[in-house]
Amino acid sequence: MAAVRANQHLVMSARLKGYEPSFLNDLLSDHKVFEYFANAACIIPMEDYPLFEPTRARIRERLSSAIEALQPVPEQVMDKLRQEGALPARAFESDVRVHGYWENTNAAAKTKATSHAINLLTDSAHIRIVGREGNQRLFDLTSHSVPAQLLKAAGEMGMEEAERLMLLKYFRAYRVFEPSDSRFGWLRYTAAQRRNAIKQFILSGILTEVEVEGLKHPYYVLSSDAERVLAHHDTAAEEQEQALEAEAAEITFLPPLDNLLWSRKRLEDLFHFEYRWEIYTPAVKRKYGYYAMPILAGDRLIGRMDPRLDRKENVLKVELLHFEPDVKISAQLRKNVKKAVKEFAKANGVVKVIYN
């Protein structure tokens, strides 16, 4: 029994009514998006490919010695893709076993040399994921699958400009942010570099500092967002409870790796919501469940729902439905949440819901 669909599909489903996993696969196979590292492994619009050249350069440099040490396997993998086009991982066979990313190097090696080569080549952007067949990823050469004009732009873009554009993308993604985020701009900046970057963008008029009630440290927003943020603050308090009572209040279940949850500090500062993904927490120490998903009601995080998907029984089991202590649980709110659970079950391919 799986928890639910993979995180990337849950993120898309929370934003697009009627979303199906095939939609994302179509975008990958049509080369409209690419998978690479932003906050973590992410799906990124293909037009942003040049922006990530600093990340690719950093990872290529870090992995070059590992790729060289594994030769001739990496080159054999690339030759096969060059000759045959996109292929799944199972198309590459090897009797040689090596230590993979997550293996204990003091134990016997278990990872196929070709599998490790594929991981190294993907992370260093020599090859990339271009689709999926079930749970199998399809790989192709980056030079074959990224539009030529974007490859050219990536090669010609200077690192300083690429980093500036990456920071702007980060600002647009987060909207409200502060420099203590170690993943600031998805660049390996020191704390001093992060503070200096914000200072420079403030001087250029792109960013504006905002004070958050109850916090000693400031947050920052795009200057183009400042008026909207302040207007929202003025009306949020009086509308908050009304929104939860309203019949039309939209309920969304956020997966553990949802974009909104990237910064745990920001969640606590701005939403007064403490969240920890308990998948790696021993079962006896879990408070809410290993896949507990925050419940978003309008613009407020009001609780968590821990689902289990049982496809054999065609049922979604809700192991936990928990509301935050300060949430007034009206009959209408409970009705809205249960309706949303049914829709969530349907989106995950089952029709029956059981509350444990």
Protein backbone atom coordinates (compact mmCIF):
# COMPACT_ATOMS: atom_id res chain seq x y z
CA MET A 1 0.00 0.00 0.00
CA ALA A 2 1.53 3.30 -1.13
CA ALA A 3 0.95 6.58 0.67
CA VAL A 4 -0.47 8.35 -2.40
CA ARG A 5 0.77 9.51 -5.80
CA ALA A 6 4.34 10.77 -6.19
CA ASN A 7 4.95 14.27 -4.83
CA GLN A 8 5.30 15.96 -8.23
CA HIS A 9 1.83 14.77 -9.21
CA LEU A 10 0.32 15.85 -5.89
CA VAL A 11 1.77 19.35 -6.34
CA MET A 12 0.29 19.62 -9.83
CA SER A 13 -3.03 18.13 -8.77
CA ALA A 14 -3.35 20.67 -5.94
CA ARG A 15 -3.13 23.45 -8.52
CA LEU A 16 -4.85 22.03 -11.62
CA LYS A 17 -8.33 20.55 -11.49
CA GLY A 18 -8.55 17.30 -13.42
CA TYR A 19 -4.77 16.85 -13.52
CA GLU A 20 -3.51 13.42 -14.62
CA PRO A 21 0.08 12.11 -14.31
CA SER A 22 0.19 11.71 -18.10
CA PHE A 23 0.10 15.52 -18.39
CA LEU A 24 3.54 15.86 -16.82
CA ASN A 25 4.95 13.01 -18.89
CA ASP A 26 3.70 14.75 -22.03
CA LEU A 27 5.47 17.95 -21.00
CA LEU A 28 8.70 16.00 -20.45
CA SER A 29 8.51 14.08 -23.72
CA ASP A 30 7.62 17.27 -25.64
CA HIS A 31 10.66 18.98 -24.04
CA LYS A 32 8.50 21.72 -22.51
CA VAL A 33 10.02 21.13 -19.03
CA PHE A 34 13.18 19.60 -17.62
CA GLU A 35 14.11 17.96 -14.32
CA TYR A 36 17.01 19.43 -12.38
CA PHE A 37 18.06 20.83 -9.03
CA ALA A 38 16.46 24.04 -7.75
CA ASN A 39 15.25 23.72 -4.16
CA ALA A 40 15.82 19.98 -4.68
CA ALA A 41 15.02 17.80 -7.69
CA CYS A 42 12.39 19.94 -9.44
CA ILE A 43 10.38 20.26 -12.64
CA ILE A 44 11.41 23.50 -14.37
CA PRO A 45 10.09 25.25 -17.52
CA MET A 46 12.42 24.55 -20.45
CA GLU A 47 12.85 28.26 -21.21
CA ASP A 48 14.72 28.53 -17.90
CA TYR A 49 17.38 26.02 -19.00
CA PRO A 50 20.15 28.64 -19.45
CA LEU A 51 19.58 30.04 -15.94
CA PHE A 52 20.74 26.81 -14.34
CA GLU A 53 24.19 26.82 -15.95
CA PRO A 54 25.87 27.81 -12.63
CA THR A 55 24.28 24.80 -10.93
CA ARG A 56 25.22 22.45 -13.75
CA ALA A 57 28.80 23.76 -13.82
CA ARG A 58 29.17 23.29 -10.07
CA ILE A 59 27.83 19.73 -10.15
CA ARG A 60 29.84 18.77 -13.26
CA GLU A 61 33.03 19.90 -11.53
CA ARG A 62 32.15 17.97 -8.37
CA LEU A 63 31.30 14.73 -10.22
CA SER A 64 33.93 14.78 -12.97
CA SER A 65 36.40 12.61 -11.04
CA ALA A 66 33.70 10.04 -10.19
CA ILE A 67 32.66 9.83 -13.84
CA GLU A 68 36.26 9.44 -14.94
CA ALA A 69 36.87 6.72 -12.34
CA LEU A 70 33.88 4.76 -13.67
CA GLN A 71 35.00 4.83 -17.32
CA PRO A 72 34.41 3.29 -19.80
CA VAL A 73 30.86 2.68 -18.51
CA PRO A 74 29.64 6.33 -18.67
CA GLU A 75 30.87 6.69 -22.25
CA GLN A 76 29.22 3.38 -23.19
CA VAL A 77 25.93 4.66 -21.78
CA MET A 78 26.21 7.86 -23.79
CA ASP A 79 27.17 5.96 -26.98
CA LYS A 80 24.08 3.76 -26.65
CA LEU A 81 21.84 6.83 -26.25
CA ARG A 82 23.61 8.52 -29.15
CA GLN A 83 22.88 5.55 -31.40
CA GLU A 84 19.42 4.49 -30.20
CA GLY A 85 17.79 7.61 -28.77
CA ALA A 86 15.77 7.76 -25.55
CA LEU A 87 15.95 4.57 -23.46
CA PRO A 88 14.78 3.38 -20.02
CA ALA A 89 17.29 2.43 -17.33
CA ARG A 90 16.54 -1.27 -17.84
CA ALA A 91 18.05 -1.04 -21.33
CA PHE A 92 21.51 -0.77 -19.74
CA GLU A 93 22.90 -3.99 -18.30
CA SER A 94 26.08 -4.60 -16.37
CA ASP A 95 27.52 -7.44 -14.31
CA VAL A 96 29.84 -5.02 -12.53
CA ARG A 97 28.71 -3.77 -9.13
CA VAL A 98 29.89 -0.50 -7.59
CA HIS A 99 29.01 1.61 -4.56
CA GLY A 100 26.09 3.87 -5.42
CA TYR A 101 25.12 7.20 -3.90
CA TRP A 102 23.44 5.80 -0.80
CA GLU A 103 25.49 2.67 -0.15
CA ASN A 104 27.76 2.00 2.80
CA THR A 105 31.21 1.97 1.25
CA ASN A 106 32.39 -0.46 3.92
CA ALA A 107 29.89 -3.08 2.72
CA ALA A 108 29.81 -5.06 -0.52
CA ALA A 109 28.95 -3.01 -3.60
CA LYS A 110 25.39 -3.59 -4.87
CA THR A 111 24.67 -0.92 -7.53
CA LYS A 112 24.98 -1.80 -11.23
CA ALA A 113 27.79 0.18 -12.81
CA THR A 114 25.43 1.35 -15.56
CA SER A 115 22.85 2.55 -12.99
CA HIS A 116 25.50 4.56 -11.16
CA ALA A 117 26.76 5.98 -14.45
CA ILE A 118 23.22 7.07 -15.37
CA ASN A 119 22.87 8.86 -12.00
CA LEU A 120 26.21 10.62 -12.39
CA LEU A 121 25.55 11.62 -15.99
CA THR A 122 22.05 12.89 -15.15
CA ASP A 123 23.21 14.97 -12.20
CA SER A 124 26.02 16.48 -14.25
CA ALA A 125 23.53 17.18 -17.10
CA HIS A 126 25.28 15.13 -19.79
CA ILE A 127 22.02 13.20 -20.10
CA ARG A 128 18.54 13.98 -18.81
CA ILE A 129 15.14 12.48 -18.04
CA VAL A 130 12.80 12.90 -21.02
CA GLY A 131 9.80 10.86 -19.89
CA ARG A 132 8.56 7.82 -18.03
CA GLU A 133 7.22 4.37 -18.85
CA GLY A 134 5.36 3.44 -15.67
CA ASN A 135 7.97 3.77 -12.92
CA GLN A 136 10.84 3.59 -15.40
CA ARG A 137 12.57 6.84 -16.32
CA LEU A 138 13.52 7.48 -19.95
CA PHE A 139 16.92 9.04 -20.63
CA ASP A 140 18.42 10.83 -23.61
CA LEU A 141 21.47 12.94 -24.35
CA THR A 142 21.03 16.54 -23.30
CA SER A 143 22.42 17.63 -26.65
CA HIS A 144 19.61 15.69 -28.37
CA SER A 145 16.72 16.81 -26.22
CA VAL A 146 17.25 20.46 -25.24
CA PRO A 147 16.38 22.96 -28.01
CA ALA A 148 19.54 24.15 -29.77
CA GLN A 149 18.89 27.84 -29.08
CA LEU A 150 18.67 27.17 -25.33
CA LEU A 151 21.89 25.12 -25.35
CA LYS A 152 23.54 27.99 -27.20
CA ALA A 153 22.18 30.56 -24.74
CA ALA A 154 23.39 28.47 -21.79
CA GLY A 155 26.88 28.24 -23.27
CA GLU A 156 27.05 31.97 -23.94
CA MET A 157 25.54 33.18 -20.66
CA GLY A 158 28.04 34.56 -18.19
CA MET A 159 27.92 33.25 -14.64
CA GLU A 160 27.16 36.68 -13.16
CA GLU A 161 24.11 37.15 -15.40
CA ALA A 162 22.94 33.57 -14.84
CA GLU A 163 23.11 34.02 -11.07
CA ARG A 164 21.21 37.33 -11.28
CA LEU A 165 18.43 35.65 -13.28
CA MET A 166 18.40 32.69 -10.87
CA LEU A 167 17.92 35.06 -7.95
CA LEU A 168 15.04 36.80 -9.72
CA LYS A 169 13.40 33.43 -10.37
CA TYR A 170 13.82 32.55 -6.70
CA PHE A 171 12.22 35.85 -5.66
CA ARG A 172 9.25 35.20 -7.93
CA ALA A 173 8.88 31.65 -6.63
CA TYR A 174 9.01 32.53 -2.93
CA ARG A 175 7.40 36.02 -3.15
CA VAL A 176 8.16 36.63 0.56
CA PHE A 177 11.65 35.62 1.72
CA GLU A 178 14.62 36.34 3.98
CA PRO A 179 18.38 35.74 3.69
CA SER A 180 18.82 33.03 6.32
CA ASP A 181 17.52 30.45 3.81
CA SER A 182 20.55 28.27 3.03
CA ARG A 183 19.04 27.55 -0.41
CA PHE A 184 18.68 31.23 -1.19
CA GLY A 185 18.54 31.65 -4.96
CA TRP A 186 19.33 27.92 -5.25
CA LEU A 187 22.94 29.04 -5.26
CA ARG A 188 25.72 28.07 -2.89
CA TYR A 189 25.97 31.52 -1.35
CA THR A 190 27.47 32.27 2.04
CA ALA A 191 25.35 34.19 4.54
CA ALA A 192 27.28 37.36 3.70
CA GLN A 193 26.69 36.84 -0.04
CA ARG A 194 22.96 36.38 0.54
CA ARG A 195 22.73 39.60 2.56
CA ASN A 196 24.76 41.49 -0.02
CA ALA A 197 22.58 40.21 -2.88
CA ILE A 198 19.46 41.52 -1.14
CA LYS A 199 21.16 44.85 -0.49
CA GLN A 200 22.05 45.24 -4.17
CA PHE A 201 18.51 44.39 -5.33
CA ILE A 202 17.08 46.90 -2.83
CA LEU A 203 19.41 49.61 -4.16
CA SER A 204 18.27 48.84 -7.70
CA GLY A 205 14.62 49.14 -6.63
CA ILE A 206 13.73 45.51 -7.34
CA LEU A 207 13.23 44.45 -3.70
CA THR A 208 11.47 46.09 -0.77
CA GLU A 209 11.93 45.33 2.94
CA VAL A 210 8.77 44.59 4.93
CA GLU A 211 8.25 44.25 8.67
CA VAL A 212 6.26 41.29 9.97
CA GLU A 213 4.32 41.86 13.15
CA GLY A 214 5.88 39.98 16.06
CA LEU A 215 9.22 39.36 14.33
CA LYS A 216 12.50 41.15 14.98
CA HIS A 217 13.97 40.32 11.59
CA PRO A 218 12.62 41.69 8.29
CA TYR A 219 11.35 39.85 5.24
CA TYR A 220 11.65 41.01 1.65
CA VAL A 221 9.34 41.09 -1.35
CA LEU A 222 9.55 42.17 -4.95
CA SER A 223 8.79 45.89 -5.07
CA SER A 224 6.07 45.12 -7.60
CA ASP A 225 4.39 42.94 -4.94
CA ALA A 226 4.72 45.35 -2.01
CA GLU A 227 1.41 47.16 -2.45
CA ARG A 228 -0.51 43.91 -2.79
CA VAL A 229 1.18 42.39 0.29
CA LEU A 230 0.34 45.41 2.44
CA ALA A 231 -3.25 45.53 1.17
CA HIS A 232 -3.68 41.85 1.98
CA HIS A 233 -2.32 42.36 5.50
CA ASP A 234 -4.88 45.09 6.19
CA THR A 235 -7.84 42.85 5.32
CA ALA A 236 -6.54 39.40 6.25
CA ALA A 237 -7.31 39.44 9.97
CA GLU A 238 -10.95 40.43 9.65
CA GLU A 239 -11.59 38.08 6.72
CA GLN A 240 -9.73 35.06 8.09
CA GLU A 241 -12.48 33.52 10.18
CA GLN A 242 -15.15 34.49 7.65
CA ALA A 243 -13.21 32.62 4.96
CA LEU A 244 -13.14 29.43 7.02
CA GLU A 245 -16.90 29.66 7.56
CA ALA A 246 -17.70 30.40 3.94
CA GLU A 247 -19.20 27.62 1.86
CA ALA A 248 -16.86 28.52 -1.01
CA ALA A 249 -13.65 28.31 1.06
CA GLU A 250 -11.25 26.23 -1.03
CA ILE A 251 -9.50 23.34 0.71
CA THR A 252 -6.20 22.00 -0.62
CA PHE A 253 -3.96 19.24 0.73
CA LEU A 254 -0.28 20.10 0.29
CA PRO A 255 2.25 17.26 -0.21
CA PRO A 256 5.31 17.21 2.08
CA LEU A 257 7.61 18.59 -0.63
CA ASP A 258 5.22 21.24 -1.92
CA ASN A 259 6.80 24.55 -2.95
CA LEU A 260 4.94 26.42 -0.20
CA LEU A 261 6.59 24.19 2.42
CA TRP A 262 10.18 24.62 1.21
CA SER A 263 11.12 26.95 4.06
CA ARG A 264 10.05 25.63 7.46
CA LYS A 265 11.19 28.89 9.08
CA ARG A 266 8.95 30.93 6.81
CA LEU A 267 6.02 28.63 7.61
CA GLU A 268 6.43 29.36 11.31
CA ASP A 269 7.09 33.09 10.85
CA LEU A 270 4.28 33.86 8.41
CA PHE A 271 1.73 31.08 8.93
CA HIS A 272 2.43 30.20 12.57
CA PHE A 273 2.51 26.58 11.44
CA GLU A 274 5.15 24.08 12.54
CA TYR A 275 5.73 21.30 10.05
CA ARG A 276 8.04 18.34 9.90
CA TRP A 277 7.89 15.54 7.35
CA GLU A 278 7.90 12.49 9.60
CA ILE A 279 8.73 9.89 6.96
CA TYR A 280 12.21 9.55 8.47
CA THR A 281 11.00 9.73 12.07
CA PRO A 282 10.72 6.37 13.89
CA ALA A 283 7.07 5.29 13.97
CA VAL A 284 6.85 5.46 17.77
CA LYS A 285 7.99 9.10 17.72
CA ARG A 286 5.65 10.32 14.99
CA LYS A 287 3.10 12.90 16.05
CA TYR A 288 0.96 13.22 12.93
CA GLY A 289 1.98 10.38 10.59
CA TYR A 290 4.71 9.79 8.05
CA TYR A 291 2.86 11.41 5.12
CA ALA A 292 0.80 14.03 6.96
CA MET A 293 -0.20 16.72 4.45
CA PRO A 294 -0.89 20.30 5.61
CA ILE A 295 -4.45 21.48 4.97
CA LEU A 296 -4.64 24.86 3.22
CA ALA A 297 -7.97 26.69 3.61
CA GLY A 298 -7.90 29.79 1.49
CA ASP A 299 -4.60 31.36 2.60
CA ARG A 300 -4.42 29.74 6.03
CA LEU A 301 -2.85 26.44 7.12
CA ILE A 302 -5.43 24.90 9.45
CA GLY A 303 -4.34 21.31 10.08
CA ARG A 304 -3.07 18.07 8.52
CA MET A 305 -4.40 14.97 6.82
CA ASP A 306 -2.42 11.71 6.75
CA PRO A 307 -3.59 9.53 3.82
CA ARG A 308 -2.89 5.94 2.76
CA LEU A 309 -3.78 4.76 -0.71
CA ASP A 310 -4.84 1.10 -1.02
CA ARG A 311 -5.34 0.39 -4.71
CA LYS A 312 -6.05 -3.29 -4.12
CA GLU A 313 -9.07 -2.39 -1.99
CA ASN A 314 -9.77 0.75 -4.07
CA VAL A 315 -9.85 2.91 -0.96
CA LEU A 316 -8.20 5.95 0.58
CA LYS A 317 -7.65 5.51 4.31
CA VAL A 318 -7.39 8.72 6.32
CA GLU A 319 -5.18 7.79 9.26
CA LEU A 320 -5.35 11.27 10.79
CA LEU A 321 -7.44 14.40 10.33
CA HIS A 322 -6.10 17.05 12.68
CA PHE A 323 -7.00 20.74 13.06
CA GLU A 324 -4.76 23.37 14.64
CA PRO A 325 -5.82 24.38 18.21
CA ASP A 326 -6.78 27.93 17.21
CA VAL A 327 -9.09 26.84 14.37
CA LYS A 328 -12.82 27.14 15.02
CA ILE A 329 -14.23 23.91 13.60
CA SER A 330 -17.66 24.73 12.25
CA ALA A 331 -20.02 22.24 10.64
CA GLN A 332 -19.41 23.99 7.32
CA LEU A 333 -15.62 23.73 7.62
CA ARG A 334 -15.82 20.03 8.46
CA LYS A 335 -18.13 19.52 5.49
CA ASN A 336 -15.74 21.39 3.18
CA VAL A 337 -12.77 19.32 4.34
CA LYS A 338 -14.57 16.00 3.89
CA LYS A 339 -15.68 17.05 0.42
CA ALA A 340 -12.05 17.90 -0.39
CA VAL A 341 -10.94 14.48 0.91
CA LYS A 342 -13.37 12.79 -1.50
CA GLU A 343 -12.01 14.86 -4.37
CA PHE A 344 -8.46 14.00 -3.30
CA ALA A 345 -9.34 10.30 -3.31
CA LYS A 346 -10.83 10.60 -6.79
CA ALA A 347 -7.73 12.43 -8.04
CA ASN A 348 -5.66 9.50 -6.74
CA GLY A 349 -7.78 6.98 -8.63
CA VAL A 350 -10.01 5.55 -5.87
CA VAL A 351 -13.64 6.17 -4.96
CA LYS A 352 -14.00 5.05 -1.34
CA VAL A 353 -12.78 6.90 1.77
CA ILE A 354 -12.34 5.37 5.23
CA TYR A 355 -11.52 7.41 8.33
CA ASN A 356 -9.51 5.42 10.88
